Amino acid sequence: MSKPIKRVLLTNDDGWRGPGFKVLEDIAREIAEEVWLVSPDLDQSGVSMSISVHHPLRVHQFEERRFSVSGTPSDCILLGVAELLPEKPDLILSGVNRGANISDSVAYSGTIGGALTGTLLGIPAIALSQAYHSTSPVHWETSRQYGAQLVRELLETGWPEDCAMNINFPARAPEDVRGMAICRPQRGSIGGVKIERREDTRGVPYYWLGFKRQSERIIGRETDVGALRDGLIALSPVRFERGIADSWHIDTDQLSDRLGINTGDRDDAPKNEPSIDH
């Protein structure tokens, strides 16, 4: 058995009362000497990597090394690393999410957003999610049984530093899991936008947003959807950087000419840094 790591920081997007957070704590206590919990006080599903810049954050410490935050998973990671923990954690675990974070939902997931925020801070980070079927109980025992050893193996093997690892456990009992697959998110599970319009007691409209799903269109074990469908644990390294400069090209000099831009001697051009809105 590999040596336990010193300190791990936990967060999620279902809120600190979520049943998956207890599973994550059980996983963390098998692999770490110190387990710190910094989690949203309310459900923050769908917030991706957003942070709170328009209102202050309230922090409540309810036990030793356990905090709730009136913010997003990314808020929790930033506060935990920069303020609440005595030292930088060796690992960040986010989850265990109730429901898979796969396909198009990867871009919206607060669970993955928390892990990616850790990656930005230079800390290895893993997001964990438990798939389930709406007609059956959630198989939390699957992520609990395989989670700790899988995290150990990933830490031993390593993965690219600019990636967070996204783990999805299939909606099956532990004994029915058929293996693992390295996957990629696949666009195409969102079939449209679902909007439900309602009115409050004063007749003012408000709206609930959602997606129309069509995950049956995604096939193949190389996709996270296909792997889970076949009973496999899906491993997907994900990056916060979504640029495609390595796979897309256009002649920028020619484009500049068409726009009437005099490129001239670029070495003499002013080197002003772009303004970044914090």
Protein backbone atom coordinates (compact mmCIF):
# COMPACT_ATOMS: atom_id res chain seq x y z
CA MET A 1 0.00 0.00 0.00
CA SER A 2 1.35 3.43 -0.92
CA LYS A 3 2.18 5.93 1.79
CA PRO A 4 -0.72 8.22 2.78
CA ILE A 5 -0.52 11.77 1.52
CA LYS A 6 -0.30 14.51 4.11
CA ARG A 7 -3.25 16.80 3.44
CA VAL A 8 -6.29 16.65 1.16
CA LEU A 9 -8.93 19.34 0.56
CA LEU A 10 -12.49 18.28 -0.25
CA THR A 11 -15.29 20.21 -1.91
CA ASN A 12 -18.39 19.49 -4.01
CA ASP A 13 -21.29 21.27 -5.71
CA ASP A 14 -24.19 19.45 -4.01
CA GLY A 15 -23.56 21.21 -0.70
CA TRP A 16 -21.94 19.86 2.44
CA ARG A 17 -25.09 17.93 3.37
CA GLY A 18 -25.05 15.92 0.13
CA PRO A 19 -24.77 12.13 0.61
CA GLY A 20 -21.89 11.94 -1.86
CA PHE A 21 -19.80 14.25 0.31
CA LYS A 22 -19.79 11.67 3.09
CA VAL A 23 -18.63 9.07 0.57
CA LEU A 24 -15.84 11.42 -0.52
CA GLU A 25 -14.78 11.92 3.09
CA ASP A 26 -14.61 8.14 3.57
CA ILE A 27 -12.43 7.88 0.45
CA ALA A 28 -10.16 10.70 1.60
CA ARG A 29 -9.63 9.25 5.08
CA GLU A 30 -8.24 6.08 3.51
CA ILE A 31 -5.50 7.96 1.66
CA ALA A 32 -4.67 11.10 3.70
CA GLU A 33 -3.44 12.00 7.17
CA GLU A 34 -5.42 15.26 7.25
CA VAL A 35 -8.82 15.74 5.61
CA TRP A 36 -10.18 19.27 5.24
CA LEU A 37 -13.75 19.95 4.07
CA VAL A 38 -14.64 23.30 2.51
CA SER A 39 -17.98 23.02 0.76
CA PRO A 40 -20.87 25.23 -0.41
CA ASP A 41 -23.64 25.62 2.13
CA LEU A 42 -26.25 25.18 -0.63
CA ASP A 43 -26.50 23.28 -3.92
CA GLN A 44 -24.27 24.90 -6.54
CA SER A 45 -24.86 22.57 -9.48
CA GLY A 46 -24.22 24.09 -12.89
CA VAL A 47 -21.92 26.92 -11.77
CA SER A 48 -18.81 25.56 -13.54
CA MET A 49 -15.70 27.55 -12.45
CA SER A 50 -17.57 30.70 -11.45
CA ILE A 51 -16.44 32.72 -8.43
CA SER A 52 -18.33 35.26 -6.33
CA VAL A 53 -17.28 38.83 -7.15
CA HIS A 54 -20.52 40.73 -6.50
CA HIS A 55 -21.11 39.81 -2.86
CA PRO A 56 -19.00 38.83 0.15
CA LEU A 57 -18.52 35.24 1.18
CA ARG A 58 -19.63 33.96 4.57
CA VAL A 59 -17.73 31.06 6.13
CA HIS A 60 -19.06 28.86 8.91
CA GLN A 61 -16.80 26.43 10.73
CA PHE A 62 -19.01 23.70 12.17
CA GLU A 63 -16.30 21.23 13.23
CA GLU A 64 -12.53 21.00 13.22
CA ARG A 65 -11.27 21.17 9.61
CA ARG A 66 -14.89 21.45 8.34
CA PHE A 67 -16.24 24.65 6.79
CA SER A 68 -19.28 25.68 4.78
CA VAL A 69 -19.14 28.66 2.41
CA SER A 70 -21.89 30.84 0.95
CA GLY A 71 -20.40 30.46 -2.51
CA THR A 72 -19.37 28.18 -5.35
CA PRO A 73 -17.01 25.19 -5.37
CA SER A 74 -14.31 27.40 -6.88
CA ASP A 75 -14.86 29.93 -4.07
CA CYS A 76 -14.36 27.08 -1.62
CA ILE A 77 -11.08 26.00 -3.20
CA LEU A 78 -9.72 29.55 -3.30
CA LEU A 79 -10.69 30.22 0.31
CA GLY A 80 -9.44 26.85 1.47
CA VAL A 81 -6.03 27.13 -0.16
CA ALA A 82 -5.40 30.83 0.49
CA GLU A 83 -7.07 31.34 3.88
CA LEU A 84 -8.52 28.40 5.77
CA LEU A 85 -5.87 25.69 5.55
CA PRO A 86 -2.56 26.17 7.37
CA GLU A 87 -0.62 24.90 4.34
CA LYS A 88 -1.28 24.15 0.70
CA PRO A 89 -3.00 20.75 0.27
CA ASP A 90 -1.29 17.92 -1.57
CA LEU A 91 -4.50 16.93 -3.35
CA ILE A 92 -7.98 18.27 -4.06
CA LEU A 93 -10.97 15.93 -4.37
CA SER A 94 -14.31 17.25 -5.61
CA GLY A 95 -17.54 15.24 -5.36
CA VAL A 96 -18.81 12.63 -5.10
CA ASN A 97 -21.43 14.17 -7.36
CA ARG A 98 -24.93 12.70 -7.42
CA GLY A 99 -25.15 12.00 -11.14
CA ALA A 100 -22.57 11.67 -13.87
CA ASN A 101 -20.51 14.61 -15.12
CA ILE A 102 -20.05 13.58 -18.72
CA SER A 103 -20.44 14.77 -22.28
CA ASP A 104 -21.73 18.35 -22.63
CA SER A 105 -22.36 18.66 -18.89
CA VAL A 106 -18.61 18.77 -18.22
CA ALA A 107 -18.59 22.45 -19.23
CA TYR A 108 -21.27 23.32 -16.66
CA SER A 109 -20.31 21.11 -13.73
CA GLY A 110 -19.48 22.80 -10.45
CA THR A 111 -17.84 19.56 -9.31
CA ILE A 112 -15.39 19.71 -12.20
CA GLY A 113 -15.09 23.50 -11.80
CA GLY A 114 -13.80 23.05 -8.26
CA ALA A 115 -11.22 20.51 -9.42
CA LEU A 116 -10.06 22.70 -12.31
CA THR A 117 -9.64 25.64 -9.94
CA GLY A 118 -7.25 23.48 -7.94
CA THR A 119 -5.35 22.72 -11.14
CA LEU A 120 -4.98 26.46 -11.78
CA LEU A 121 -3.36 26.73 -8.35
CA GLY A 122 -0.89 23.98 -9.20
CA ILE A 123 -2.52 21.31 -7.04
CA PRO A 124 -3.38 17.83 -8.36
CA ALA A 125 -7.17 17.57 -8.46
CA ILE A 126 -9.71 14.84 -9.11
CA ALA A 127 -13.47 15.15 -9.66
CA LEU A 128 -15.59 12.11 -8.80
CA SER A 129 -19.18 11.44 -9.81
CA GLN A 130 -21.60 8.56 -9.32
CA ALA A 131 -23.96 7.88 -12.22
CA TYR A 132 -27.45 6.65 -11.42
CA HIS A 133 -30.76 5.82 -13.05
CA SER A 134 -33.79 7.80 -11.92
CA THR A 135 -35.74 4.58 -11.39
CA SER A 136 -33.15 3.00 -9.06
CA PRO A 137 -31.29 3.93 -5.85
CA VAL A 138 -27.89 5.57 -6.22
CA HIS A 139 -25.09 2.99 -5.92
CA TRP A 140 -22.91 4.99 -3.55
CA GLU A 141 -21.22 1.75 -2.53
CA THR A 142 -19.58 1.60 -5.99
CA SER A 143 -17.69 4.86 -5.67
CA ARG A 144 -16.97 4.09 -2.01
CA GLN A 145 -15.50 0.67 -2.80
CA TYR A 146 -13.30 1.68 -5.72
CA GLY A 147 -12.64 5.36 -5.01
CA ALA A 148 -9.70 5.27 -2.59
CA GLN A 149 -7.62 2.67 -4.41
CA LEU A 150 -8.31 4.32 -7.77
CA VAL A 151 -7.14 7.69 -6.44
CA ARG A 152 -4.00 6.02 -5.06
CA GLU A 153 -3.26 4.41 -8.41
CA LEU A 154 -3.77 7.68 -10.30
CA LEU A 155 -1.46 9.54 -7.92
CA GLU A 156 1.15 6.81 -8.36
CA THR A 157 0.87 6.89 -12.15
CA GLY A 158 0.35 10.64 -12.55
CA TRP A 159 -1.42 12.62 -15.27
CA PRO A 160 -0.68 15.89 -17.13
CA GLU A 161 -0.22 18.81 -14.72
CA ASP A 162 -2.56 21.07 -16.69
CA CYS A 163 -5.43 18.59 -16.33
CA ALA A 164 -7.87 17.63 -13.63
CA MET A 165 -8.91 14.00 -13.61
CA ASN A 166 -12.63 13.38 -14.07
CA ILE A 167 -13.83 10.01 -12.72
CA ASN A 168 -17.35 8.73 -13.33
CA PHE A 169 -18.55 5.51 -11.69
CA PRO A 170 -21.24 3.54 -13.55
CA ALA A 171 -24.77 3.13 -12.26
CA ARG A 172 -24.12 -0.40 -11.11
CA ALA A 173 -23.36 -2.30 -7.93
CA PRO A 174 -19.61 -2.81 -7.31
CA GLU A 175 -19.68 -6.47 -8.34
CA ASP A 176 -21.23 -5.54 -11.70
CA VAL A 177 -18.52 -3.06 -12.74
CA ARG A 178 -16.79 -4.47 -15.83
CA GLY A 179 -13.55 -2.48 -15.96
CA MET A 180 -12.22 0.97 -16.81
CA ALA A 181 -11.75 3.12 -19.87
CA ILE A 182 -9.85 6.30 -20.67
CA CYS A 183 -12.46 8.49 -22.29
CA ARG A 184 -13.19 11.92 -23.65
CA PRO A 185 -16.29 14.06 -23.31
CA GLN A 186 -18.35 13.95 -26.49
CA ARG A 187 -20.54 16.79 -27.66
CA GLY A 188 -24.05 15.84 -28.67
CA SER A 189 -25.97 14.82 -25.55
CA ILE A 190 -27.78 18.17 -25.38
CA GLY A 191 -30.69 18.14 -27.80
CA GLY A 192 -32.03 21.58 -27.00
CA VAL A 193 -32.97 24.00 -24.25
CA LYS A 194 -35.94 23.37 -21.97
CA ILE A 195 -37.54 26.47 -20.44
CA GLU A 196 -40.43 26.39 -18.02
CA ARG A 197 -42.23 29.71 -17.57
CA ARG A 198 -44.12 30.42 -14.36
CA GLU A 199 -45.59 33.44 -12.61
CA ASP A 200 -45.19 34.58 -9.03
CA THR A 201 -48.07 35.76 -6.82
CA ARG A 202 -47.92 39.22 -8.43
CA GLY A 203 -48.17 37.86 -11.94
CA VAL A 204 -44.52 38.55 -12.73
CA PRO A 205 -42.97 35.81 -14.89
CA TYR A 206 -39.92 33.78 -13.91
CA TYR A 207 -38.19 30.89 -15.63
CA TRP A 208 -36.59 27.53 -14.91
CA LEU A 209 -33.85 26.51 -17.33
CA GLY A 210 -32.80 23.02 -18.32
CA PHE A 211 -31.65 20.87 -21.23
CA LYS A 212 -33.32 18.29 -23.43
CA ARG A 213 -31.11 15.22 -23.32
CA GLN A 214 -30.27 12.78 -26.10
CA SER A 215 -27.33 10.82 -24.71
CA GLU A 216 -28.47 7.73 -26.62
CA ARG A 217 -26.84 9.31 -29.69
CA ILE A 218 -23.38 8.99 -28.15
CA ILE A 219 -21.82 5.58 -28.61
CA GLY A 220 -18.40 3.94 -28.26
CA ARG A 221 -16.27 3.12 -25.24
CA GLU A 222 -13.90 5.95 -26.09
CA THR A 223 -16.66 8.32 -24.97
CA ASP A 224 -17.58 8.72 -21.31
CA VAL A 225 -21.25 8.08 -22.06
CA GLY A 226 -20.48 4.85 -23.90
CA ALA A 227 -18.11 3.62 -21.21
CA LEU A 228 -20.67 4.11 -18.44
CA ARG A 229 -23.33 2.45 -20.55
CA ASP A 230 -21.09 -0.63 -20.79
CA GLY A 231 -20.50 -0.71 -17.03
CA LEU A 232 -17.00 0.77 -17.06
CA ILE A 233 -15.47 3.38 -14.79
CA ALA A 234 -14.79 6.35 -17.08
CA LEU A 235 -11.51 8.26 -16.63
CA SER A 236 -11.33 11.58 -18.48
CA PRO A 237 -8.51 14.12 -18.08
CA VAL A 238 -10.04 17.59 -18.59
CA ARG A 239 -8.43 20.99 -19.10
CA PHE A 240 -9.73 24.44 -18.22
CA GLU A 241 -8.01 25.79 -21.36
CA ARG A 242 -10.38 25.21 -24.26
CA GLY A 243 -8.44 26.91 -27.06
CA ILE A 244 -8.01 25.07 -30.35
CA ALA A 245 -4.92 26.87 -31.70
CA ASP A 246 -3.17 23.53 -32.16
CA SER A 247 -5.92 22.18 -34.43
CA TRP A 248 -7.13 25.26 -36.30
CA HIS A 249 -5.25 27.72 -38.46
CA ILE A 250 -5.93 30.83 -40.51
CA ASP A 251 -3.51 33.12 -42.33
CA THR A 252 -3.51 36.05 -39.89
CA ASP A 253 -1.27 38.22 -42.08
CA GLN A 254 -3.69 37.86 -44.95
CA LEU A 255 -6.63 38.53 -42.64
CA SER A 256 -4.90 41.68 -41.32
CA ASP A 257 -4.47 42.93 -44.90
CA ARG A 258 -8.17 42.40 -45.59
CA LEU A 259 -9.06 44.41 -42.50
CA GLY A 260 -6.75 47.20 -43.55
CA ILE A 261 -4.33 46.67 -40.67
CA ASN A 262 -0.77 47.75 -41.33
CA THR A 263 1.28 45.02 -39.67
CA GLY A 264 4.56 46.81 -40.48
CA ASP A 265 7.48 45.94 -38.25
CA ARG A 266 5.88 44.09 -35.40
CA ASP A 267 9.02 44.27 -33.30
CA ASP A 268 8.49 48.04 -32.99
CA ALA A 269 4.84 47.76 -31.97
CA PRO A 270 3.99 48.75 -28.37
CA LYS A 271 3.90 45.80 -26.01
CA ASN A 272 0.85 46.77 -23.97
CA GLU A 273 -0.52 44.06 -21.76
CA PRO A 274 -4.24 43.31 -22.17
CA SER A 275 -6.50 44.43 -19.38
CA ILE A 276 -8.02 41.59 -17.38
CA ASP A 277 -11.25 42.18 -15.52
CA HIS A 278 -10.97 40.63 -12.06
